[in-house]
Amino acid sequence: MTCLVYFIFIISILESKIRPAVAKDGGDIKFIEFKNGVVKVQLQGSCSGCPSSTMTLKQGVQNLLCHYLPEVKEVVAI
């Protein structure tokens, strides 16, 4: 797959599966980049200061993206 295909696939997963879930708690997630197996996202709204955001990021977002796209090795918030 090309970089553009990865970007589109990651964004579609974020938009369809992850954003609605974090929006229920007043948060948002924004895709920043995908490089060398690392997806960088920005947590916004109530997610940006939430103590559970690390767990959500690793157990939720990272697990889901790795499941659908094995090329993803890690998800980090910036």
C-alpha atoms as a PDB file:
ATOM      1  CA  MET A   1       0.000   0.000   0.000  1.00  0.00           C
ATOM      2  CA  THR A   2       1.104   3.541  -0.617  1.00  0.00           C
ATOM      3  CA  CYS A   3       1.344   6.194   2.090  1.00  0.00           C
ATOM      4  CA  LEU A   4      -1.842   7.823   0.823  1.00  0.00           C
ATOM      5  CA  VAL A   5      -3.755   4.549   1.162  1.00  0.00           C
ATOM      6  CA  TYR A   6      -2.490   4.148   4.747  1.00  0.00           C
ATOM      7  CA  PHE A   7      -3.558   7.711   5.589  1.00  0.00           C
ATOM      8  CA  ILE A   8      -7.026   7.216   4.131  1.00  0.00           C
ATOM      9  CA  PHE A   9      -7.465   3.871   5.907  1.00  0.00           C
ATOM     10  CA  ILE A  10      -6.314   5.249   9.288  1.00  0.00           C
ATOM     11  CA  ILE A  11      -8.515   8.323   8.973  1.00  0.00           C
ATOM     12  CA  SER A  12     -11.526   6.196   8.017  1.00  0.00           C
ATOM     13  CA  ILE A  13     -11.054   4.000  11.121  1.00  0.00           C
ATOM     14  CA  LEU A  14     -10.645   7.060  13.332  1.00  0.00           C
ATOM     15  CA  GLU A  15     -13.742   8.706  11.855  1.00  0.00           C
ATOM     16  CA  SER A  16     -16.032   5.674  11.879  1.00  0.00           C
ATOM     17  CA  LYS A  17     -15.027   3.792  15.015  1.00  0.00           C
ATOM     18  CA  ILE A  18     -13.019   5.965  17.382  1.00  0.00           C
ATOM     19  CA  ARG A  19     -14.246   9.557  17.087  1.00  0.00           C
ATOM     20  CA  PRO A  20     -17.876   8.691  17.903  1.00  0.00           C
ATOM     21  CA  ALA A  21     -16.777   6.864  21.059  1.00  0.00           C
ATOM     22  CA  VAL A  22     -14.564   9.660  22.379  1.00  0.00           C
ATOM     23  CA  ALA A  23     -17.135  12.279  21.368  1.00  0.00           C
ATOM     24  CA  LYS A  24     -19.625  10.701  23.786  1.00  0.00           C
ATOM     25  CA  ASP A  25     -17.304  11.788  26.601  1.00  0.00           C
ATOM     26  CA  GLY A  26     -16.767  15.275  25.183  1.00  0.00           C
ATOM     27  CA  GLY A  27     -13.459  14.546  23.489  1.00  0.00           C
ATOM     28  CA  ASP A  28     -12.076  14.385  19.994  1.00  0.00           C
ATOM     29  CA  ILE A  29      -9.115  12.817  18.210  1.00  0.00           C
ATOM     30  CA  LYS A  30      -7.271  14.255  15.228  1.00  0.00           C
ATOM     31  CA  PHE A  31      -4.908  12.344  12.925  1.00  0.00           C
ATOM     32  CA  ILE A  32      -1.509  14.037  12.584  1.00  0.00           C
ATOM     33  CA  GLU A  33       0.773  11.593  10.746  1.00  0.00           C
ATOM     34  CA  PHE A  34       1.785   7.999  10.065  1.00  0.00           C
ATOM     35  CA  LYS A  35       5.509   7.357   9.766  1.00  0.00           C
ATOM     36  CA  ASN A  36       7.691   4.276  10.395  1.00  0.00           C
ATOM     37  CA  GLY A  37       4.777   2.347  11.893  1.00  0.00           C
ATOM     38  CA  VAL A  38       3.864   5.115  14.349  1.00  0.00           C
ATOM     39  CA  VAL A  39       0.517   6.899  14.176  1.00  0.00           C
ATOM     40  CA  LYS A  40       0.540  10.340  15.783  1.00  0.00           C
ATOM     41  CA  VAL A  41      -2.753  11.794  16.941  1.00  0.00           C
ATOM     42  CA  GLN A  42      -3.843  14.818  18.904  1.00  0.00           C
ATOM     43  CA  LEU A  43      -6.366  14.362  21.685  1.00  0.00           C
ATOM     44  CA  GLN A  44      -8.719  17.309  22.024  1.00  0.00           C
ATOM     45  CA  GLY A  45     -11.569  18.448  24.221  1.00  0.00           C
ATOM     46  CA  SER A  46     -12.035  16.558  27.464  1.00  0.00           C
ATOM     47  CA  CYS A  47      -9.600  13.870  26.228  1.00  0.00           C
ATOM     48  CA  SER A  48      -6.652  16.264  26.357  1.00  0.00           C
ATOM     49  CA  GLY A  49      -6.617  16.425  30.148  1.00  0.00           C
ATOM     50  CA  CYS A  50      -8.270  13.148  31.040  1.00  0.00           C
ATOM     51  CA  PRO A  51      -6.305  10.748  33.258  1.00  0.00           C
ATOM     52  CA  SER A  52      -7.784   7.816  31.305  1.00  0.00           C
ATOM     53  CA  SER A  53      -6.564   9.122  27.942  1.00  0.00           C
ATOM     54  CA  THR A  54      -3.400   6.965  27.977  1.00  0.00           C
ATOM     55  CA  MET A  55      -5.457   3.833  28.524  1.00  0.00           C
ATOM     56  CA  THR A  56      -7.914   4.873  25.814  1.00  0.00           C
ATOM     57  CA  LEU A  57      -5.044   5.592  23.453  1.00  0.00           C
ATOM     58  CA  LYS A  58      -3.184   2.310  23.991  1.00  0.00           C
ATOM     59  CA  GLN A  59      -5.979  -0.178  24.716  1.00  0.00           C
ATOM     60  CA  GLY A  60      -8.561   1.375  22.442  1.00  0.00           C
ATOM     61  CA  VAL A  61      -7.062   3.316  19.560  1.00  0.00           C
ATOM     62  CA  GLN A  62      -3.781   1.423  19.213  1.00  0.00           C
ATOM     63  CA  ASN A  63      -5.357  -2.032  19.494  1.00  0.00           C
ATOM     64  CA  LEU A  64      -8.033  -1.182  16.939  1.00  0.00           C
ATOM     65  CA  LEU A  65      -5.619   0.325  14.419  1.00  0.00           C
ATOM     66  CA  CYS A  66      -3.155  -2.587  14.819  1.00  0.00           C
ATOM     67  CA  HIS A  67      -6.001  -5.031  14.286  1.00  0.00           C
ATOM     68  CA  TYR A  68      -7.078  -3.469  10.986  1.00  0.00           C
ATOM     69  CA  LEU A  69      -3.629  -2.386   9.825  1.00  0.00           C
ATOM     70  CA  PRO A  70      -0.730  -4.608  11.006  1.00  0.00           C
ATOM     71  CA  GLU A  71       1.758  -2.018   9.740  1.00  0.00           C
ATOM     72  CA  VAL A  72       0.780   0.161  12.706  1.00  0.00           C
ATOM     73  CA  LYS A  73       3.165  -0.595  15.569  1.00  0.00           C
ATOM     74  CA  GLU A  74       2.317   2.221  17.978  1.00  0.00           C
ATOM     75  CA  VAL A  75      -0.049   5.145  18.489  1.00  0.00           C
ATOM     76  CA  VAL A  76       1.203   8.231  20.315  1.00  0.00           C
ATOM     77  CA  ALA A  77      -0.458  11.465  21.330  1.00  0.00           C
ATOM     78  CA  ILE A  78       1.319  14.725  20.666  1.00  0.00           C
END
